[in-house]
């Protein structure tokens, strides 16, 4: 399943709202094969918050099942942040699986 540039931008909507206030622009360069290639432009150039913005975008997009990777051509997402998010998402998935497993068990008390 592929995703369009419009769908990518819609998915990062809350981040885009903040970028709009600071003249930041997310440019979607490619969406083929589940690999999203982005560039953060405009007010993002030289901004000290750009790595955090990239981290939020990466997290939002990686939550989608059909996204393999999110690549920032400007290098705005340091490897340690990417690793942190991947570990956080793995932990969240594990916790969700545990909740699903526990919810299938009968609850309550037999008296």
N, C-alpha and C. Protein backbone atom coordinates (compact mmCIF):
# COMPACT_ATOMS: atom_id res chain seq x y z
N UNK A 1 0.85 -1.18 0.00
CA UNK A 1 0.00 0.00 0.00
C UNK A 1 0.90 1.25 0.00
N UNK A 2 0.61 2.17 -0.87
CA UNK A 2 1.42 3.39 -0.92
C UNK A 2 0.65 4.54 -0.27
N UNK A 3 1.37 5.58 0.00
CA UNK A 3 0.80 6.75 0.63
C UNK A 3 1.16 7.96 -0.24
N UNK A 4 0.23 8.87 -0.36
CA UNK A 4 0.47 10.05 -1.18
C UNK A 4 1.11 11.16 -0.35
N UNK A 5 1.68 12.13 -1.04
CA UNK A 5 2.27 13.29 -0.35
C UNK A 5 1.21 14.00 0.49
N UNK A 6 0.00 14.09 -0.03
CA UNK A 6 -1.09 14.75 0.70
C UNK A 6 -1.40 14.01 1.99
N UNK A 7 -1.38 12.67 1.94
CA UNK A 7 -1.65 11.87 3.14
C UNK A 7 -0.54 12.03 4.16
N UNK A 8 0.70 12.13 3.69
CA UNK A 8 1.83 12.35 4.60
C UNK A 8 1.64 13.68 5.31
N UNK A 9 1.34 14.72 4.55
CA UNK A 9 1.17 16.05 5.16
C UNK A 9 -0.02 16.07 6.12
N UNK A 10 -1.08 15.35 5.79
CA UNK A 10 -2.24 15.28 6.68
C UNK A 10 -1.88 14.58 7.98
N UNK A 11 -1.05 13.54 7.89
CA UNK A 11 -0.66 12.78 9.08
C UNK A 11 0.17 13.60 10.04
N UNK A 12 0.95 14.52 9.53
CA UNK A 12 1.79 15.36 10.40
C UNK A 12 1.12 16.70 10.68
N UNK A 13 -0.17 16.78 10.50
CA UNK A 13 -0.95 18.00 10.66
C UNK A 13 -0.62 18.83 11.89
N UNK A 14 -0.63 18.25 13.10
CA UNK A 14 -0.33 19.07 14.29
C UNK A 14 1.06 19.70 14.25
N UNK A 15 2.04 18.98 13.70
CA UNK A 15 3.39 19.54 13.57
C UNK A 15 3.38 20.67 12.54
N UNK A 16 2.63 20.46 11.46
CA UNK A 16 2.57 21.48 10.41
C UNK A 16 1.96 22.78 10.94
N UNK A 17 1.01 22.67 11.84
CA UNK A 17 0.41 23.88 12.44
C UNK A 17 1.47 24.73 13.13
N UNK A 18 2.37 24.08 13.84
CA UNK A 18 3.45 24.80 14.52
C UNK A 18 4.45 25.36 13.51
N UNK A 19 4.77 24.55 12.50
CA UNK A 19 5.69 25.01 11.46
C UNK A 19 5.16 26.24 10.74
N UNK A 20 3.86 26.26 10.51
CA UNK A 20 3.24 27.41 9.84
C UNK A 20 3.49 28.70 10.60
N UNK A 21 3.49 28.62 11.91
CA UNK A 21 3.73 29.81 12.73
C UNK A 21 5.17 30.30 12.64
N UNK A 22 6.07 29.41 12.22
CA UNK A 22 7.49 29.75 12.17
C UNK A 22 8.05 29.71 10.74
N UNK A 23 7.16 29.73 9.77
CA UNK A 23 7.53 29.69 8.34
C UNK A 23 8.30 28.43 7.96
N UNK A 24 8.08 27.35 8.68
CA UNK A 24 8.70 26.08 8.33
C UNK A 24 7.87 25.35 7.29
N UNK A 25 8.55 24.58 6.46
CA UNK A 25 7.88 23.87 5.37
C UNK A 25 8.38 22.43 5.33
N UNK A 26 7.43 21.50 5.24
CA UNK A 26 7.78 20.10 5.02
C UNK A 26 7.55 19.82 3.54
N UNK A 27 8.61 19.40 2.86
CA UNK A 27 8.51 19.06 1.45
C UNK A 27 8.61 17.55 1.32
N UNK A 28 7.57 16.94 0.75
CA UNK A 28 7.56 15.50 0.54
C UNK A 28 8.20 15.24 -0.82
N UNK A 29 9.34 14.57 -0.82
CA UNK A 29 10.08 14.33 -2.05
C UNK A 29 9.74 12.99 -2.70
N UNK A 30 9.45 11.98 -1.87
CA UNK A 30 9.17 10.65 -2.41
C UNK A 30 8.40 9.85 -1.38
N UNK A 31 7.51 9.00 -1.87
CA UNK A 31 6.74 8.13 -0.98
C UNK A 31 6.73 6.69 -1.47
N UNK A 32 7.65 6.33 -2.33
CA UNK A 32 7.61 4.99 -2.93
C UNK A 32 8.06 3.91 -1.96
N UNK A 33 7.45 2.74 -2.12
CA UNK A 33 7.81 1.54 -1.37
C UNK A 33 7.73 1.71 0.14
N UNK A 34 6.87 2.59 0.62
CA UNK A 34 6.74 2.79 2.06
C UNK A 34 7.87 3.56 2.68
N UNK A 35 8.76 4.11 1.87
CA UNK A 35 9.85 4.93 2.36
C UNK A 35 9.53 6.40 2.05
N UNK A 36 9.37 7.18 3.08
CA UNK A 36 9.01 8.58 2.93
C UNK A 36 10.28 9.41 2.96
N UNK A 37 10.49 10.21 1.93
CA UNK A 37 11.66 11.08 1.87
C UNK A 37 11.17 12.51 2.00
N UNK A 38 11.68 13.20 3.03
CA UNK A 38 11.23 14.55 3.35
C UNK A 38 12.40 15.52 3.42
N UNK A 39 12.06 16.77 3.23
CA UNK A 39 13.01 17.86 3.45
C UNK A 39 12.31 18.90 4.31
N UNK A 40 12.98 19.37 5.35
CA UNK A 40 12.45 20.45 6.17
C UNK A 40 13.10 21.75 5.69
N UNK A 41 12.27 22.65 5.22
CA UNK A 41 12.77 23.86 4.57
C UNK A 41 12.18 25.12 5.21
N UNK A 42 12.45 26.24 4.60
CA UNK A 42 11.93 27.52 5.09
C UNK A 42 12.53 27.86 6.44
N UNK A 43 11.67 28.16 7.40
CA UNK A 43 12.11 28.54 8.74
C UNK A 43 12.85 27.44 9.47
N UNK A 44 12.79 26.20 8.96
CA UNK A 44 13.50 25.08 9.59
C UNK A 44 15.01 25.19 9.38
N UNK A 45 15.41 25.83 8.31
CA UNK A 45 16.84 25.97 8.02
C UNK A 45 17.52 26.79 9.11
N UNK A 46 18.44 26.14 9.80
CA UNK A 46 19.19 26.81 10.86
C UNK A 46 18.48 26.89 12.19
N UNK A 47 17.27 26.37 12.29
CA UNK A 47 16.51 26.42 13.54
C UNK A 47 17.02 25.33 14.49
N UNK A 48 17.23 25.69 15.73
CA UNK A 48 17.74 24.72 16.71
C UNK A 48 16.69 23.67 17.09
N UNK A 49 15.42 23.92 16.79
CA UNK A 49 14.36 22.96 17.11
C UNK A 49 14.10 21.96 15.99
N UNK A 50 14.79 22.09 14.88
CA UNK A 50 14.53 21.22 13.75
C UNK A 50 14.69 19.73 14.08
N UNK A 51 15.70 19.30 14.85
CA UNK A 51 15.77 17.87 15.18
C UNK A 51 14.54 17.38 15.96
N UNK A 52 14.01 18.21 16.83
CA UNK A 52 12.81 17.81 17.58
C UNK A 52 11.60 17.74 16.65
N UNK A 53 11.52 18.65 15.71
CA UNK A 53 10.44 18.63 14.73
C UNK A 53 10.53 17.35 13.90
N UNK A 54 11.74 17.03 13.46
CA UNK A 54 11.96 15.81 12.68
C UNK A 54 11.57 14.58 13.50
N UNK A 55 11.90 14.60 14.79
CA UNK A 55 11.56 13.48 15.66
C UNK A 55 10.05 13.30 15.75
N UNK A 56 9.31 14.39 15.89
CA UNK A 56 7.85 14.30 15.96
C UNK A 56 7.26 13.78 14.66
N UNK A 57 7.80 14.24 13.54
CA UNK A 57 7.32 13.78 12.23
C UNK A 57 7.62 12.29 12.06
N UNK A 58 8.83 11.89 12.38
CA UNK A 58 9.24 10.49 12.28
C UNK A 58 8.30 9.61 13.11
N UNK A 59 8.06 10.01 14.35
CA UNK A 59 7.19 9.24 15.25
C UNK A 59 5.77 9.13 14.68
N UNK A 60 5.23 10.24 14.19
CA UNK A 60 3.88 10.24 13.64
C UNK A 60 3.77 9.30 12.44
N UNK A 61 4.73 9.36 11.55
CA UNK A 61 4.66 8.56 10.34
C UNK A 61 4.98 7.09 10.58
N UNK A 62 5.91 6.80 11.47
CA UNK A 62 6.27 5.40 11.74
C UNK A 62 5.15 4.64 12.44
N UNK A 63 4.18 5.34 12.99
CA UNK A 63 3.03 4.67 13.60
C UNK A 63 2.15 4.00 12.54
N UNK A 64 2.25 4.46 11.31
CA UNK A 64 1.45 3.89 10.24
C UNK A 64 2.03 2.54 9.82
N UNK A 65 1.17 1.56 9.65
CA UNK A 65 1.61 0.20 9.36
C UNK A 65 2.41 0.08 8.07
N UNK A 66 2.04 0.83 7.07
CA UNK A 66 2.65 0.65 5.75
C UNK A 66 3.86 1.55 5.50
N UNK A 67 4.40 2.18 6.55
CA UNK A 67 5.59 3.02 6.42
C UNK A 67 6.81 2.24 6.90
N UNK A 68 7.77 2.05 6.01
CA UNK A 68 9.00 1.34 6.37
C UNK A 68 10.02 2.26 7.01
N UNK A 69 10.19 3.44 6.42
CA UNK A 69 11.21 4.35 6.91
C UNK A 69 10.85 5.78 6.55
N UNK A 70 11.39 6.70 7.32
CA UNK A 70 11.23 8.14 7.07
C UNK A 70 12.64 8.70 6.98
N UNK A 71 12.95 9.26 5.84
CA UNK A 71 14.30 9.75 5.56
C UNK A 71 14.26 11.26 5.39
N UNK A 72 15.10 11.94 6.14
CA UNK A 72 15.21 13.39 6.02
C UNK A 72 16.46 13.69 5.21
N UNK A 73 16.29 14.26 4.03
CA UNK A 73 17.43 14.49 3.15
C UNK A 73 18.38 15.54 3.70
N UNK A 74 17.90 16.37 4.59
CA UNK A 74 18.74 17.40 5.20
C UNK A 74 19.47 16.87 6.44
N UNK A 75 19.21 15.64 6.83
CA UNK A 75 19.87 15.03 7.98
C UNK A 75 19.40 15.58 9.31
N UNK A 76 18.14 15.99 9.39
CA UNK A 76 17.64 16.62 10.61
C UNK A 76 17.36 15.67 11.77
N UNK A 77 17.40 14.38 11.52
CA UNK A 77 17.10 13.42 12.59
C UNK A 77 18.34 12.61 12.91
N UNK A 78 19.05 12.98 13.98
CA UNK A 78 20.26 12.23 14.36
C UNK A 78 19.92 10.78 14.66
N UNK A 79 20.86 9.91 14.44
CA UNK A 79 20.66 8.47 14.61
C UNK A 79 20.22 8.11 16.03
N UNK A 80 20.76 8.81 17.04
CA UNK A 80 20.36 8.48 18.41
C UNK A 80 18.89 8.77 18.66
N UNK A 81 18.34 9.81 18.00
CA UNK A 81 16.91 10.11 18.15
C UNK A 81 16.07 9.05 17.45
N UNK A 82 16.52 8.62 16.28
CA UNK A 82 15.83 7.57 15.53
C UNK A 82 15.78 6.29 16.37
N UNK A 83 16.89 5.93 16.98
CA UNK A 83 16.98 4.74 17.82
C UNK A 83 16.05 4.87 19.03
N UNK A 84 16.05 6.04 19.65
CA UNK A 84 15.19 6.29 20.81
C UNK A 84 13.72 6.08 20.45
N UNK A 85 13.30 6.65 19.32
CA UNK A 85 11.90 6.53 18.90
C UNK A 85 11.56 5.08 18.57
N UNK A 86 12.44 4.41 17.85
CA UNK A 86 12.19 3.00 17.50
C UNK A 86 12.04 2.15 18.76
N UNK A 87 12.87 2.39 19.76
CA UNK A 87 12.77 1.65 21.02
C UNK A 87 11.48 1.99 21.75
N UNK A 88 11.10 3.25 21.75
CA UNK A 88 9.86 3.68 22.39
C UNK A 88 8.65 3.02 21.72
N UNK A 89 8.66 2.99 20.39
CA UNK A 89 7.55 2.38 19.66
C UNK A 89 7.48 0.87 19.90
N UNK A 90 8.63 0.22 20.00
CA UNK A 90 8.65 -1.22 20.28
C UNK A 90 8.07 -1.48 21.67
N UNK A 91 8.43 -0.64 22.63
CA UNK A 91 7.90 -0.78 23.98
C UNK A 91 6.38 -0.56 24.00
N UNK A 92 5.91 0.46 23.28
CA UNK A 92 4.47 0.73 23.21
C UNK A 92 3.73 -0.44 22.58
N UNK A 93 4.30 -1.02 21.52
CA UNK A 93 3.66 -2.16 20.86
C UNK A 93 3.61 -3.35 21.79
N UNK A 94 4.68 -3.58 22.54
CA UNK A 94 4.73 -4.69 23.49
C UNK A 94 3.68 -4.50 24.58
N UNK A 95 3.57 -3.28 25.09
CA UNK A 95 2.57 -2.99 26.13
C UNK A 95 1.15 -3.17 25.59
N UNK A 96 0.92 -2.75 24.34
CA UNK A 96 -0.40 -2.92 23.73
C UNK A 96 -0.73 -4.40 23.57
N UNK A 97 0.27 -5.20 23.18
CA UNK A 97 0.05 -6.64 23.04
C UNK A 97 -0.27 -7.28 24.38
N UNK A 98 0.41 -6.84 25.44
CA UNK A 98 0.12 -7.36 26.77
C UNK A 98 -1.28 -7.00 27.22
N UNK A 99 -1.70 -5.77 26.93
CA UNK A 99 -3.06 -5.35 27.28
C UNK A 99 -4.09 -6.18 26.53
N UNK A 100 -3.84 -6.44 25.23
CA UNK A 100 -4.75 -7.26 24.45
C UNK A 100 -4.84 -8.67 25.00
N UNK A 101 -3.70 -9.24 25.40
CA UNK A 101 -3.67 -10.58 25.97
C UNK A 101 -4.43 -10.62 27.29
N UNK A 102 -4.20 -9.61 28.11
CA UNK A 102 -4.87 -9.57 29.42
C UNK A 102 -6.36 -9.31 29.28
N UNK A 103 -6.77 -8.56 28.27
CA UNK A 103 -8.18 -8.22 28.14
C UNK A 103 -9.00 -9.43 27.66
N UNK A 104 -8.35 -10.43 27.08
CA UNK A 104 -9.08 -11.60 26.63
C UNK A 104 -9.38 -12.56 27.80
N UNK A 105 -8.70 -12.37 28.91
CA UNK A 105 -8.95 -13.19 30.09
C UNK A 105 -10.20 -12.68 30.78
N UNK A 106 -10.94 -13.58 31.36
CA UNK A 106 -12.11 -13.14 32.11
C UNK A 106 -11.71 -12.24 33.27
N UNK A 107 -12.48 -11.23 33.49
CA UNK A 107 -12.21 -10.33 34.60
C UNK A 107 -13.30 -10.50 35.65
N UNK A 108 -12.97 -10.08 36.81
CA UNK A 108 -13.96 -10.17 37.87
C UNK A 108 -13.60 -11.24 38.88
N UNK A 109 -14.53 -11.52 39.70
CA UNK A 109 -14.28 -12.43 40.80
C UNK A 109 -15.43 -13.42 40.86
N UNK A 110 -15.08 -14.68 41.04
CA UNK A 110 -16.11 -15.70 41.19
C UNK A 110 -16.31 -15.89 42.68
N UNK A 111 -17.56 -15.76 43.08
CA UNK A 111 -17.88 -15.87 44.50
C UNK A 111 -18.68 -17.12 44.76
